[in-house]
PDB file of N, CA and C in Angstrom:
ATOM      1  N   MET A   1      86.713-129.789 -77.091  1.00  0.00           N
ATOM      2  CA  MET A   1      88.051-130.255 -77.734  1.00  0.00           C
ATOM      3  C   MET A   1      88.014-129.705 -78.878  1.00  0.00           C
ATOM      4  N   LEU A   2      89.242-129.033 -79.203  1.00  0.00           N
ATOM      5  CA  LEU A   2      89.723-128.525 -80.376  1.00  0.00           C
ATOM      6  C   LEU A   2      89.923-129.888 -81.554  1.00  0.00           C
ATOM      7  N   ARG A   3      89.485-129.444 -83.014  1.00  0.00           N
ATOM      8  CA  ARG A   3      89.756-130.187 -84.034  1.00  0.00           C
ATOM      9  C   ARG A   3      90.408-129.274 -84.867  1.00  0.00           C
ATOM     10  N   ALA A   4      90.809-130.006 -85.780  1.00  0.00           N
ATOM     11  CA  ALA A   4      91.745-130.073 -86.961  1.00  0.00           C
ATOM     12  C   ALA A   4      90.922-129.075 -87.945  1.00  0.00           C
ATOM     13  N   PRO A   5      91.311-128.567 -88.787  1.00  0.00           N
ATOM     14  CA  PRO A   5      90.691-127.749 -89.873  1.00  0.00           C
ATOM     15  C   PRO A   5      89.691-128.337 -90.384  1.00  0.00           C
ATOM     16  N   LEU A   6      88.989-127.865 -90.930  1.00  0.00           N
ATOM     17  CA  LEU A   6      88.120-128.515 -91.832  1.00  0.00           C
ATOM     18  C   LEU A   6      87.676-128.183 -93.451  1.00  0.00           C
ATOM     19  N   SER A   7      87.638-128.405 -94.545  1.00  0.00           N
ATOM     20  CA  SER A   7      87.273-127.948 -96.199  1.00  0.00           C
ATOM     21  C   SER A   7      85.728-127.332 -95.543  1.00  0.00           C
ATOM     22  N   PHE A   8      85.433-126.484 -96.655  1.00  0.00           N
ATOM     23  CA  PHE A   8      84.506-125.225 -96.049  1.00  0.00           C
ATOM     24  C   PHE A   8      83.330-126.536 -96.363  1.00  0.00           C
ATOM     25  N   PRO A   9      83.209-127.121 -97.220  1.00  0.00           N
ATOM     26  CA  PRO A   9      81.860-127.963 -97.066  1.00  0.00           C
ATOM     27  C   PRO A   9      81.725-128.907 -96.033  1.00  0.00           C
ATOM     28  N   ASP A  10      82.903-129.341 -95.374  1.00  0.00           N
ATOM     29  CA  ASP A  10      83.076-130.185 -94.239  1.00  0.00           C
ATOM     30  C   ASP A  10      82.017-129.633 -93.248  1.00  0.00           C
ATOM     31  N   MET A  11      82.849-128.455 -93.310  1.00  0.00           N
ATOM     32  CA  MET A  11      82.492-127.421 -91.952  1.00  0.00           C
ATOM     33  C   MET A  11      81.413-127.294 -92.370  1.00  0.00           C
ATOM     34  N   LEU A  12      80.585-126.896 -93.647  1.00  0.00           N
ATOM     35  CA  LEU A  12      79.320-126.836 -93.307  1.00  0.00           C
ATOM     36  C   LEU A  12      78.360-128.084 -92.938  1.00  0.00           C
ATOM     37  N   VAL A  13      78.763-129.074 -93.132  1.00  0.00           N
ATOM     38  CA  VAL A  13      77.845-130.436 -92.735  1.00  0.00           C
ATOM     39  C   VAL A  13      77.875-130.855 -91.435  1.00  0.00           C
ATOM     40  N   ARG A  14      79.066-130.285 -90.586  1.00  0.00           N
ATOM     41  CA  ARG A  14      79.115-131.010 -89.108  1.00  0.00           C
ATOM     42  C   ARG A  14      79.095-129.763 -88.060  1.00  0.00           C
ATOM     43  N   LEU A  15      79.131-128.324 -88.794  1.00  0.00           N
ATOM     44  CA  LEU A  15      78.868-127.280 -87.478  1.00  0.00           C
ATOM     45  C   LEU A  15      77.587-127.541 -86.785  1.00  0.00           C
ATOM     46  N   PRO A  16      76.467-127.888 -87.321  1.00  0.00           N
ATOM     47  CA  PRO A  16      75.409-127.925 -86.688  1.00  0.00           C
ATOM     48  C   PRO A  16      75.158-128.868 -85.348  1.00  0.00           C
ATOM     49  N   ALA A  17      76.325-129.907 -85.247  1.00  0.00           N
ATOM     50  CA  ALA A  17      76.352-131.052 -84.381  1.00  0.00           C
ATOM     51  C   ALA A  17      77.129-130.463 -82.850  1.00  0.00           C
ATOM     52  N   TYR A  18      78.081-128.903 -83.375  1.00  0.00           N
ATOM     53  CA  TYR A  18      78.759-128.685 -81.910  1.00  0.00           C
ATOM     54  C   TYR A  18      77.662-127.285 -81.291  1.00  0.00           C
ATOM     55  N   ILE A  19      78.535-127.425 -80.396  1.00  0.00           N
ATOM     56  CA  ILE A  19      77.273-126.404 -79.475  1.00  0.00           C
ATOM     57  C   ILE A  19      78.185-124.973 -79.504  1.00  0.00           C
ATOM     58  N   GLY A  20      79.272-124.869 -79.644  1.00  0.00           N
ATOM     59  CA  GLY A  20      79.828-123.694 -79.707  1.00  0.00           C
ATOM     60  C   GLY A  20      81.021-123.760 -81.051  1.00  0.00           C
ATOM     61  N   SER A  21      81.324-122.610 -81.570  1.00  0.00           N
ATOM     62  CA  SER A  21      82.516-122.068 -82.522  1.00  0.00           C
ATOM     63  C   SER A  21      83.641-121.047 -82.169  1.00  0.00           C
ATOM     64  N   LEU A  22      84.485-121.624 -82.113  1.00  0.00           N
ATOM     65  CA  LEU A  22      85.269-120.673 -81.853  1.00  0.00           C
ATOM     66  C   LEU A  22      85.798-119.366 -83.126  1.00  0.00           C
ATOM     67  N   SER A  23      86.016-118.297 -83.143  1.00  0.00           N
ATOM     68  CA  SER A  23      86.243-117.313 -84.511  1.00  0.00           C
ATOM     69  C   SER A  23      86.991-116.275 -83.638  1.00  0.00           C
ATOM     70  N   VAL A  24      87.832-116.159 -84.689  1.00  0.00           N
ATOM     71  CA  VAL A  24      89.063-115.007 -84.348  1.00  0.00           C
ATOM     72  C   VAL A  24      89.287-114.221 -85.402  1.00  0.00           C
ATOM     73  N   ASN A  25      89.088-113.003 -85.718  1.00  0.00           N
ATOM     74  CA  ASN A  25      89.074-112.097 -86.508  1.00  0.00           C
ATOM     75  C   ASN A  25      89.474-110.869 -86.077  1.00  0.00           C
ATOM     76  N   PRO A  26      90.969-110.797 -85.714  1.00  0.00           N
ATOM     77  CA  PRO A  26      91.532-109.541 -84.705  1.00  0.00           C
ATOM     78  C   PRO A  26      91.181-108.377 -85.775  1.00  0.00           C
ATOM     79  N   LEU A  27      91.967-107.050 -85.134  1.00  0.00           N
ATOM     80  CA  LEU A  27      91.717-105.925 -85.726  1.00  0.00           C
ATOM     81  C   LEU A  27      90.984-105.517 -86.823  1.00  0.00           C
ATOM     82  N   VAL A  28      89.723-106.671 -86.654  1.00  0.00           N
ATOM     83  CA  VAL A  28      88.565-105.281 -87.173  1.00  0.00           C
ATOM     84  C   VAL A  28      87.187-105.158 -86.123  1.00  0.00           C
ATOM     85  N   SER A  29      86.766-103.910 -86.465  1.00  0.00           N
ATOM     86  CA  SER A  29      85.987-103.600 -85.294  1.00  0.00           C
ATOM     87  C   SER A  29      84.625-103.258 -85.817  1.00  0.00           C
ATOM     88  N   ASP A  30      84.283-103.386 -87.241  1.00  0.00           N
ATOM     89  CA  ASP A  30      82.965-103.016 -88.194  1.00  0.00           C
ATOM     90  C   ASP A  30      82.421-104.068 -88.983  1.00  0.00           C
ATOM     91  N   SER A  31      82.540-104.796 -88.204  1.00  0.00           N
ATOM     92  CA  SER A  31      82.043-106.308 -88.939  1.00  0.00           C
ATOM     93  C   SER A  31      82.792-107.483 -88.363  1.00  0.00           C
ATOM     94  N   VAL A  32      81.606-108.780 -88.267  1.00  0.00           N
ATOM     95  CA  VAL A  32      82.186-110.119 -87.729  1.00  0.00           C
ATOM     96  C   VAL A  32      82.807-111.061 -88.767  1.00  0.00           C
ATOM     97  N   HIS A  33      83.675-111.934 -88.804  1.00  0.00           N
ATOM     98  CA  HIS A  33      83.856-112.768 -89.710  1.00  0.00           C
ATOM     99  C   HIS A  33      82.367-113.801 -90.500  1.00  0.00           C
ATOM    100  N   ASP A  34      82.260-114.023 -91.277  1.00  0.00           N
ATOM    101  CA  ASP A  34      81.315-114.792 -91.927  1.00  0.00           C
ATOM    102  C   ASP A  34      81.051-116.229 -90.966  1.00  0.00           C
ATOM    103  N   ARG A  35      82.158-116.999 -90.008  1.00  0.00           N
ATOM    104  CA  ARG A  35      82.163-117.673 -89.286  1.00  0.00           C
ATOM    105  C   ARG A  35      80.771-117.848 -88.153  1.00  0.00           C
ATOM    106  N   VAL A  36      81.023-116.458 -87.900  1.00  0.00           N
ATOM    107  CA  VAL A  36      80.163-115.968 -87.052  1.00  0.00           C
ATOM    108  C   VAL A  36      78.277-116.550 -87.446  1.00  0.00           C
ATOM    109  N   PHE A  37      78.448-115.525 -87.778  1.00  0.00           N
ATOM    110  CA  PHE A  37      77.268-115.858 -89.292  1.00  0.00           C
ATOM    111  C   PHE A  37      76.699-117.312 -89.425  1.00  0.00           C
ATOM    112  N   PHE A  38      77.748-118.054 -90.224  1.00  0.00           N
ATOM    113  CA  PHE A  38      77.423-119.292 -89.779  1.00  0.00           C
ATOM    114  C   PHE A  38      77.166-120.240 -88.825  1.00  0.00           C
ATOM    115  N   ALA A  39      77.772-119.905 -87.573  1.00  0.00           N
ATOM    116  CA  ALA A  39      77.278-120.573 -86.498  1.00  0.00           C
ATOM    117  C   ALA A  39      76.094-120.301 -85.986  1.00  0.00           C
ATOM    118  N   LEU A  40      75.887-118.745 -86.302  1.00  0.00           N
ATOM    119  CA  LEU A  40      74.381-118.634 -85.988  1.00  0.00           C
ATOM    120  C   LEU A  40      72.839-119.465 -86.966  1.00  0.00           C
ATOM    121  N   ALA A  41      73.527-119.296 -88.187  1.00  0.00           N
ATOM    122  CA  ALA A  41      72.504-119.630 -88.734  1.00  0.00           C
ATOM    123  C   ALA A  41      72.129-121.328 -88.473  1.00  0.00           C
ATOM    124  N   ALA A  42      73.539-122.081 -88.380  1.00  0.00           N
ATOM    125  CA  ALA A  42      73.793-123.219 -87.617  1.00  0.00           C
ATOM    126  C   ALA A  42      72.992-123.860 -86.475  1.00  0.00           C
ATOM    127  N   GLY A  43      72.486-122.824 -85.454  1.00  0.00           N
ATOM    128  CA  GLY A  43      72.123-122.873 -84.525  1.00  0.00           C
ATOM    129  C   GLY A  43      73.136-123.225 -83.289  1.00  0.00           C
ATOM    130  N   VAL A  44      74.599-122.775 -83.532  1.00  0.00           N
ATOM    131  CA  VAL A  44      75.472-122.991 -82.391  1.00  0.00           C
ATOM    132  C   VAL A  44      76.136-121.549 -82.339  1.00  0.00           C
ATOM    133  N   VAL A  45      76.437-121.617 -81.133  1.00  0.00           N
ATOM    134  CA  VAL A  45      77.313-120.329 -80.355  1.00  0.00           C
ATOM    135  C   VAL A  45      78.280-119.672 -81.007  1.00  0.00           C
ATOM    136  N   PRO A  46      78.557-119.044 -81.447  1.00  0.00           N
ATOM    137  CA  PRO A  46      79.862-118.067 -81.758  1.00  0.00           C
ATOM    138  C   PRO A  46      80.456-117.769 -80.636  1.00  0.00           C
ATOM    139  N   VAL A  47      81.650-118.369 -79.917  1.00  0.00           N
ATOM    140  CA  VAL A  47      82.357-117.460 -79.587  1.00  0.00           C
ATOM    141  C   VAL A  47      83.698-116.879 -80.285  1.00  0.00           C
ATOM    142  N   ALA A  48      83.479-115.405 -80.142  1.00  0.00           N
ATOM    143  CA  ALA A  48      84.073-114.797 -80.840  1.00  0.00           C
ATOM    144  C   ALA A  48      85.209-113.630 -80.464  1.00  0.00           C
ATOM    145  N   ASP A  49      85.753-112.793 -81.043  1.00  0.00           N
ATOM    146  CA  ASP A  49      86.473-111.468 -80.539  1.00  0.00           C
ATOM    147  C   ASP A  49      85.434-110.550 -80.590  1.00  0.00           C
ATOM    148  N   GLY A  50      85.136-109.899 -79.512  1.00  0.00           N
ATOM    149  CA  GLY A  50      84.353-108.871 -79.663  1.00  0.00           C
ATOM    150  C   GLY A  50      84.614-107.496 -80.144  1.00  0.00           C
ATOM    151  N   ASN A  51      83.812-106.466 -80.679  1.00  0.00           N
ATOM    152  CA  ASN A  51      84.050-105.305 -81.246  1.00  0.00           C
ATOM    153  C   ASN A  51      83.128-104.440 -81.361  1.00  0.00           C
ATOM    154  N   ARG A  52      82.942-103.562 -82.338  1.00  0.00           N
ATOM    155  CA  ARG A  52      81.923-102.187 -82.372  1.00  0.00           C
ATOM    156  C   ARG A  52      80.797-102.874 -82.712  1.00  0.00           C
ATOM    157  N   PHE A  53      81.352-103.908 -84.106  1.00  0.00           N
ATOM    158  CA  PHE A  53      79.961-104.225 -84.685  1.00  0.00           C
ATOM    159  C   PHE A  53      79.143-105.136 -83.736  1.00  0.00           C
ATOM    160  N   SER A  54      79.766-106.159 -83.061  1.00  0.00           N
ATOM    161  CA  SER A  54      79.299-107.161 -81.561  1.00  0.00           C
ATOM    162  C   SER A  54      78.890-106.743 -80.896  1.00  0.00           C
ATOM    163  N   VAL A  55      78.717-105.524 -80.485  1.00  0.00           N
ATOM    164  CA  VAL A  55      78.601-105.467 -79.247  1.00  0.00           C
ATOM    165  C   VAL A  55      76.919-104.328 -79.861  1.00  0.00           C
ATOM    166  N   GLU A  56      76.790-103.789 -80.442  1.00  0.00           N
ATOM    167  CA  GLU A  56      75.675-102.957 -81.349  1.00  0.00           C
ATOM    168  C   GLU A  56      74.967-103.923 -82.023  1.00  0.00           C
ATOM    169  N   HIS A  57      75.173-104.790 -82.417  1.00  0.00           N
ATOM    170  CA  HIS A  57      74.505-105.660 -83.106  1.00  0.00           C
ATOM    171  C   HIS A  57      74.131-107.127 -82.544  1.00  0.00           C
ATOM    172  N   MET A  58      74.724-107.266 -82.026  1.00  0.00           N
ATOM    173  CA  MET A  58      74.780-108.912 -81.061  1.00  0.00           C
ATOM    174  C   MET A  58      74.909-108.945 -79.638  1.00  0.00           C
ATOM    175  N   PRO A  59      74.265-107.903 -78.809  1.00  0.00           N
ATOM    176  CA  PRO A  59      74.454-107.769 -77.682  1.00  0.00           C
ATOM    177  C   PRO A  59      74.282-108.548 -76.573  1.00  0.00           C
ATOM    178  N   GLY A  60      73.509-109.436 -77.068  1.00  0.00           N
ATOM    179  CA  GLY A  60      72.844-110.942 -76.103  1.00  0.00           C
ATOM    180  C   GLY A  60      74.131-111.900 -76.179  1.00  0.00           C
ATOM    181  N   LEU A  61      75.052-111.662 -77.177  1.00  0.00           N
ATOM    182  CA  LEU A  61      76.492-112.863 -77.032  1.00  0.00           C
ATOM    183  C   LEU A  61      77.279-112.155 -77.005  1.00  0.00           C
ATOM    184  N   GLY A  62      77.325-111.101 -75.989  1.00  0.00           N
ATOM    185  CA  GLY A  62      78.442-110.346 -75.043  1.00  0.00           C
ATOM    186  C   GLY A  62      79.172-111.256 -73.953  1.00  0.00           C
ATOM    187  N   ALA A  63      78.681-112.195 -73.634  1.00  0.00           N
ATOM    188  CA  ALA A  63      78.860-113.208 -72.639  1.00  0.00           C
ATOM    189  C   ALA A  63      79.953-114.119 -73.260  1.00  0.00           C
ATOM    190  N   TYR A  64      79.911-114.382 -74.601  1.00  0.00           N
ATOM    191  CA  TYR A  64      80.572-115.261 -75.110  1.00  0.00           C
ATOM    192  C   TYR A  64      81.742-114.163 -75.873  1.00  0.00           C
ATOM    193  N   SER A  65      81.848-113.384 -75.928  1.00  0.00           N
ATOM    194  CA  SER A  65      82.697-112.346 -76.791  1.00  0.00           C
ATOM    195  C   SER A  65      84.214-112.488 -75.771  1.00  0.00           C
ATOM    196  N   PHE A  66      85.101-112.171 -76.219  1.00  0.00           N
ATOM    197  CA  PHE A  66      86.463-111.839 -75.632  1.00  0.00           C
ATOM    198  C   PHE A  66      87.297-110.893 -76.534  1.00  0.00           C
ATOM    199  N   ASP A  67      88.249-110.709 -75.505  1.00  0.00           N
ATOM    200  CA  ASP A  67      89.307-109.826 -76.067  1.00  0.00           C
ATOM    201  C   ASP A  67      90.830-109.992 -76.016  1.00  0.00           C
ATOM    202  N   VAL A  68      91.711-109.224 -75.831  1.00  0.00           N
ATOM    203  CA  VAL A  68      92.599-109.258 -75.738  1.00  0.00           C
ATOM    204  C   VAL A  68      93.736-109.946 -74.565  1.00  0.00           C
ATOM    205  N   SER A  69      92.834-109.503 -73.270  1.00  0.00           N
ATOM    206  CA  SER A  69      93.106-109.620 -72.317  1.00  0.00           C
ATOM    207  C   SER A  69      93.187-111.180 -71.426  1.00  0.00           C
ATOM    208  N   PRO A  70      94.404-111.589 -71.091  1.00  0.00           N
ATOM    209  CA  PRO A  70      94.591-112.701 -70.158  1.00  0.00           C
ATOM    210  C   PRO A  70      93.435-113.206 -69.925  1.00  0.00           C
ATOM    211  N   GLY A  71      92.943-114.416 -70.009  1.00  0.00           N
ATOM    212  CA  GLY A  71      91.736-115.145 -69.347  1.00  0.00           C
ATOM    213  C   GLY A  71      90.498-115.178 -70.522  1.00  0.00           C
ATOM    214  N   SER A  72      90.626-113.566 -71.025  1.00  0.00           N
ATOM    215  CA  SER A  72      89.389-113.508 -71.899  1.00  0.00           C
ATOM    216  C   SER A  72      88.257-114.760 -72.363  1.00  0.00           C
ATOM    217  N   ALA A  73      89.128-115.283 -73.616  1.00  0.00           N
ATOM    218  CA  ALA A  73      88.777-116.089 -74.385  1.00  0.00           C
ATOM    219  C   ALA A  73      88.287-117.189 -73.255  1.00  0.00           C
ATOM    220  N   ALA A  74      89.161-117.623 -72.358  1.00  0.00           N
ATOM    221  CA  ALA A  74      88.389-119.062 -71.348  1.00  0.00           C
ATOM    222  C   ALA A  74      87.634-118.724 -70.643  1.00  0.00           C
ATOM    223  N   ALA A  75      87.213-117.011 -70.340  1.00  0.00           N
ATOM    224  CA  ALA A  75      85.969-117.000 -69.828  1.00  0.00           C
ATOM    225  C   ALA A  75      84.429-116.460 -70.543  1.00  0.00           C
ATOM    226  N   ALA A  76      84.979-116.387 -71.740  1.00  0.00           N
ATOM    227  CA  ALA A  76      83.983-116.972 -72.944  1.00  0.00           C
ATOM    228  C   ALA A  76      83.661-118.259 -72.807  1.00  0.00           C
ATOM    229  N   ALA A  77      84.812-118.989 -73.340  1.00  0.00           N
ATOM    230  CA  ALA A  77      84.328-120.529 -73.589  1.00  0.00           C
ATOM    231  C   ALA A  77      83.479-120.529 -72.190  1.00  0.00           C
ATOM    232  N   ASP A  78      83.492-120.343 -70.826  1.00  0.00           N
ATOM    233  CA  ASP A  78      83.342-121.033 -69.793  1.00  0.00           C
ATOM    234  C   ASP A  78      82.106-120.724 -69.314  1.00  0.00           C
ATOM    235  N   ALA A  79      81.313-119.278 -70.258  1.00  0.00           N
ATOM    236  CA  ALA A  79      80.242-118.865 -70.452  1.00  0.00           C
ATOM    237  C   ALA A  79      79.200-120.073 -70.676  1.00  0.00           C
ATOM    238  N   LEU A  80      79.570-120.456 -71.995  1.00  0.00           N
ATOM    239  CA  LEU A  80      78.955-121.219 -72.722  1.00  0.00           C
ATOM    240  C   LEU A  80      78.654-122.862 -72.157  1.00  0.00           C
ATOM    241  N   LEU A  81      79.801-122.883 -71.621  1.00  0.00           N
ATOM    242  CA  LEU A  81      80.083-124.461 -70.889  1.00  0.00           C
ATOM    243  C   LEU A  81      79.123-124.276 -69.917  1.00  0.00           C
ATOM    244  N   THR A  82      79.212-123.377 -68.697  1.00  0.00           N
ATOM    245  CA  THR A  82      78.079-123.326 -67.693  1.00  0.00           C
ATOM    246  C   THR A  82      77.176-123.452 -67.932  1.00  0.00           C
ATOM    247  N   GLU A  83      76.541-122.731 -68.929  1.00  0.00           N
ATOM    248  CA  GLU A  83      74.719-122.650 -69.181  1.00  0.00           C
ATOM    249  C   GLU A  83      74.637-122.694 -70.728  1.00  0.00           C
ATOM    250  N   PRO A  84      74.740-123.987 -71.447  1.00  0.00           N
ATOM    251  CA  PRO A  84      74.818-124.156 -72.712  1.00  0.00           C
ATOM    252  C   PRO A  84      73.240-123.675 -72.710  1.00  0.00           C
ATOM    253  N   GLN A  85      72.258-124.023 -72.523  1.00  0.00           N
ATOM    254  CA  GLN A  85      70.875-123.831 -73.036  1.00  0.00           C
ATOM    255  C   GLN A  85      70.848-122.194 -72.893  1.00  0.00           C
ATOM    256  N   ARG A  86      70.957-121.897 -71.929  1.00  0.00           N
ATOM    257  CA  ARG A  86      71.115-120.216 -72.154  1.00  0.00           C
ATOM    258  C   ARG A  86      71.906-119.567 -73.124  1.00  0.00           C
ATOM    259  N   ALA A  87      72.675-120.178 -73.503  1.00  0.00           N
ATOM    260  CA  ALA A  87      73.803-119.529 -74.485  1.00  0.00           C
ATOM    261  C   ALA A  87      72.923-119.829 -76.104  1.00  0.00           C
ATOM    262  N   LEU A  88      72.599-121.317 -76.110  1.00  0.00           N
ATOM    263  CA  LEU A  88      72.014-121.268 -77.565  1.00  0.00           C
ATOM    264  C   LEU A  88      70.804-120.819 -77.621  1.00  0.00           C
ATOM    265  N   ASP A  89      70.030-120.535 -76.480  1.00  0.00           N
ATOM    266  CA  ASP A  89      68.331-119.575 -76.563  1.00  0.00           C
ATOM    267  C   ASP A  89      69.008-117.774 -76.828  1.00  0.00           C
ATOM    268  N   ARG A  90      70.162-117.651 -76.295  1.00  0.00           N
ATOM    269  CA  ARG A  90      70.649-116.228 -76.877  1.00  0.00           C
ATOM    270  C   ARG A  90      71.448-116.154 -78.332  1.00  0.00           C
ATOM    271  N   ALA A  91      72.225-116.994 -78.532  1.00  0.00           N
ATOM    272  CA  ALA A  91      72.154-117.308 -79.884  1.00  0.00           C
ATOM    273  C   ALA A  91      71.023-117.059 -81.198  1.00  0.00           C
ATOM    274  N   GLU A  92      70.047-118.064 -80.297  1.00  0.00           N
ATOM    275  CA  GLU A  92      68.820-118.172 -81.385  1.00  0.00           C
ATOM    276  C   GLU A  92      68.186-116.744 -81.385  1.00  0.00           C
ATOM    277  N   ALA A  93      68.133-116.008 -80.664  1.00  0.00           N
ATOM    278  CA  ALA A  93      67.363-114.672 -80.294  1.00  0.00           C
ATOM    279  C   ALA A  93      67.922-113.775 -81.207  1.00  0.00           C
ATOM    280  N   THR A  94      69.763-113.838 -81.389  1.00  0.00           N
ATOM    281  CA  THR A  94      70.152-113.064 -81.808  1.00  0.00           C
ATOM    282  C   THR A  94      70.025-113.515 -83.568  1.00  0.00           C
ATOM    283  N   TYR A  95      70.287-114.595 -83.882  1.00  0.00           N
ATOM    284  CA  TYR A  95      70.290-115.326 -85.132  1.00  0.00           C
ATOM    285  C   TYR A  95      68.811-114.158 -85.718  1.00  0.00           C
ATOM    286  N   GLN A  96      67.647-114.512 -84.500  1.00  0.00           N
ATOM    287  CA  GLN A  96      66.172-113.978 -85.713  1.00  0.00           C
ATOM    288  C   GLN A  96      66.459-112.259 -85.440  1.00  0.00           C
ATOM    289  N   ALA A  97      66.934-111.887 -84.633  1.00  0.00           N
ATOM    290  CA  ALA A  97      67.193-110.208 -84.832  1.00  0.00           C
ATOM    291  C   ALA A  97      68.110-109.932 -86.002  1.00  0.00           C
ATOM    292  N   LEU A  98      69.079-110.586 -86.558  1.00  0.00           N
ATOM    293  CA  LEU A  98      69.991-110.082 -87.363  1.00  0.00           C
ATOM    294  C   LEU A  98      69.325-110.333 -88.802  1.00  0.00           C
ATOM    295  N   LEU A  99      68.555-111.191 -88.496  1.00  0.00           N
ATOM    296  CA  LEU A  99      68.161-111.971 -90.145  1.00  0.00           C
ATOM    297  C   LEU A  99      67.757-111.080 -90.874  1.00  0.00           C
ATOM    298  N   PRO A 100      66.792-110.087 -90.438  1.00  0.00           N
ATOM    299  CA  PRO A 100      66.185-109.359 -91.489  1.00  0.00           C
ATOM    300  C   PRO A 100      66.865-107.960 -92.419  1.00  0.00           C
ATOM    301  N   ARG A 101      67.829-107.182 -91.148  1.00  0.00           N
ATOM    302  CA  ARG A 101      68.969-106.955 -91.623  1.00  0.00           C
ATOM    303  C   ARG A 101      70.071-107.266 -92.242  1.00  0.00           C
ATOM    304  N   PHE A 102      70.434-109.004 -92.388  1.00  0.00           N
ATOM    305  CA  PHE A 102      71.938-108.951 -92.603  1.00  0.00           C
ATOM    306  C   PHE A 102      72.056-110.285 -93.671  1.00  0.00           C
ATOM    307  N   SER A 103      70.543-110.241 -93.893  1.00  0.00           N
ATOM    308  CA  SER A 103      70.390-111.972 -94.507  1.00  0.00           C
ATOM    309  C   SER A 103      71.453-112.007 -96.456  1.00  0.00           C
ATOM    310  N   LEU A 104      71.440-112.623 -96.837  1.00  0.00           N
ATOM    311  CA  LEU A 104      71.992-112.824 -97.912  1.00  0.00           C
ATOM    312  C   LEU A 104      70.996-111.948 -99.041  1.00  0.00           C
ATOM    313  N   ARG A 105      69.935-112.530 -98.745  1.00  0.00           N
ATOM    314  CA  ARG A 105      69.221-111.594 -99.693  1.00  0.00           C
ATOM    315  C   ARG A 105      69.003-110.039 -99.253  1.00  0.00           C
ATOM    316  N   GLU A 106      69.042-109.161 -98.282  1.00  0.00           N
ATOM    317  CA  GLU A 106      69.689-107.991 -98.033  1.00  0.00           C
ATOM    318  C   GLU A 106      70.710-107.757 -98.570  1.00  0.00           C
ATOM    319  N   SER A 107      71.758-108.629 -98.163  1.00  0.00           N
ATOM    320  CA  SER A 107      73.038-108.048 -98.820  1.00  0.00           C
ATOM    321  C   SER A 107      73.038-107.976-100.031  1.00  0.00           C
ATOM    322  N   ALA A 108      72.655-108.747-101.359  1.00  0.00           N
ATOM    323  CA  ALA A 108      72.418-108.642-102.201  1.00  0.00           C
ATOM    324  C   ALA A 108      71.730-107.504-103.008  1.00  0.00           C
ATOM    325  N   ARG A 109      70.758-106.905-102.400  1.00  0.00           N
ATOM    326  CA  ARG A 109      69.851-105.968-102.262  1.00  0.00           C
ATOM    327  C   ARG A 109      70.871-104.785-102.463  1.00  0.00           C
ATOM    328  N   ARG A 110      71.453-104.701-101.250  1.00  0.00           N
ATOM    329  CA  ARG A 110      72.682-103.720-100.845  1.00  0.00           C
ATOM    330  C   ARG A 110      73.717-103.323-102.052  1.00  0.00           C
ATOM    331  N   ILE A 111      74.222-104.389-102.620  1.00  0.00           N
ATOM    332  CA  ILE A 111      75.188-104.718-103.223  1.00  0.00           C
ATOM    333  C   ILE A 111      74.479-103.964-104.979  1.00  0.00           C
ATOM    334  N   VAL A 112      73.480-104.454-105.164  1.00  0.00           N
ATOM    335  CA  VAL A 112      72.948-104.403-106.670  1.00  0.00           C
ATOM    336  C   VAL A 112      72.294-102.259-106.325  1.00  0.00           C
ATOM    337  N   THR A 113      71.867-102.190-105.328  1.00  0.00           N
ATOM    338  CA  THR A 113      71.824-100.587-104.996  1.00  0.00           C
ATOM    339  C   THR A 113      73.067-100.000-105.270  1.00  0.00           C
ATOM    340  N   PHE A 114      73.670 -99.836-104.620  1.00  0.00           N
ATOM    341  CA  PHE A 114      75.155 -99.792-104.723  1.00  0.00           C
ATOM    342  C   PHE A 114      75.593-100.025-106.043  1.00  0.00           C
ATOM    343  N   CYS A 115      75.796-100.729-107.005  1.00  0.00           N
ATOM    344  CA  CYS A 115      76.493-101.009-108.036  1.00  0.00           C
ATOM    345  C   CYS A 115      75.217 -99.763-109.376  1.00  0.00           C
ATOM    346  N   GLY A 116      74.024 -99.710-108.906  1.00  0.00           N
ATOM    347  CA  GLY A 116      73.325 -98.923-109.873  1.00  0.00           C
ATOM    348  C   GLY A 116      73.523 -97.366-109.535  1.00  0.00           C
ATOM    349  N   LEU A 117      74.386 -97.327-108.305  1.00  0.00           N
ATOM    350  CA  LEU A 117      74.595 -95.450-108.285  1.00  0.00           C
ATOM    351  C   LEU A 117      76.048 -94.996-108.545  1.00  0.00           C
ATOM    352  N   HIS A 118      76.862 -96.478-109.230  1.00  0.00           N
ATOM    353  CA  HIS A 118      78.022 -95.851-109.178  1.00  0.00           C
ATOM    354  C   HIS A 118      77.919 -95.391-111.014  1.00  0.00           C
ATOM    355  N   ALA A 119      78.302 -94.430-111.368  1.00  0.00           N
ATOM    356  CA  ALA A 119      78.466 -93.959-112.627  1.00  0.00           C
ATOM    357  C   ALA A 119      78.691 -94.246-113.757  1.00  0.00           C
ATOM    358  N   ALA A 120      79.677 -95.464-113.698  1.00  0.00           N
ATOM    359  CA  ALA A 120      79.855 -96.205-114.669  1.00  0.00           C
ATOM    360  C   ALA A 120      78.987 -97.256-114.922  1.00  0.00           C
ATOM    361  N   ASN A 121      77.324 -97.689-114.417  1.00  0.00           N
ATOM    362  CA  ASN A 121      76.446 -98.141-114.508  1.00  0.00           C
ATOM    363  C   ASN A 121      75.366 -97.246-115.094  1.00  0.00           C
ATOM    364  N   ALA A 122      75.506 -96.064-114.859  1.00  0.00           N
ATOM    365  CA  ALA A 122      74.476 -95.328-115.401  1.00  0.00           C
ATOM    366  C   ALA A 122      73.621 -95.394-116.701  1.00  0.00           C
ATOM    367  N   LYS A 123      72.584 -95.404-116.350  1.00  0.00           N
ATOM    368  CA  LYS A 123      71.535 -96.192-117.882  1.00  0.00           C
ATOM    369  C   LYS A 123      71.968 -94.596-118.764  1.00  0.00           C
ATOM    370  N   ALA A 124      72.104 -94.929-120.241  1.00  0.00           N
ATOM    371  CA  ALA A 124      72.765 -93.886-121.106  1.00  0.00           C
ATOM    372  C   ALA A 124      70.768 -92.868-121.481  1.00  0.00           C
TER     373      ALA A 124
END
């Protein structure tokens, strides 16, 4: 069942109660929307548009990815609903594989490193 949009705080509270989360982020190929990461962190299967990033970094979730072709999103949702435990297991394995490289801590470390490389931040 589709539900009305939620505020961000409400989404964080309710997300773990769902088996799947639909995320549409078209025209992006080198990342996925943060909704995908939130879903994985909550133990929920992200059903999302596939791209280069998801193919490379989330290969176990390919069955739950879709493109713009007719029926693709429905097939991704059907894959989740047909074998929900398998989908949940794949989502958990994907989350564990992504955690070392894409955690908030790692992202912050990369940002700090990048900022330190900028000439405006060079030590005198």
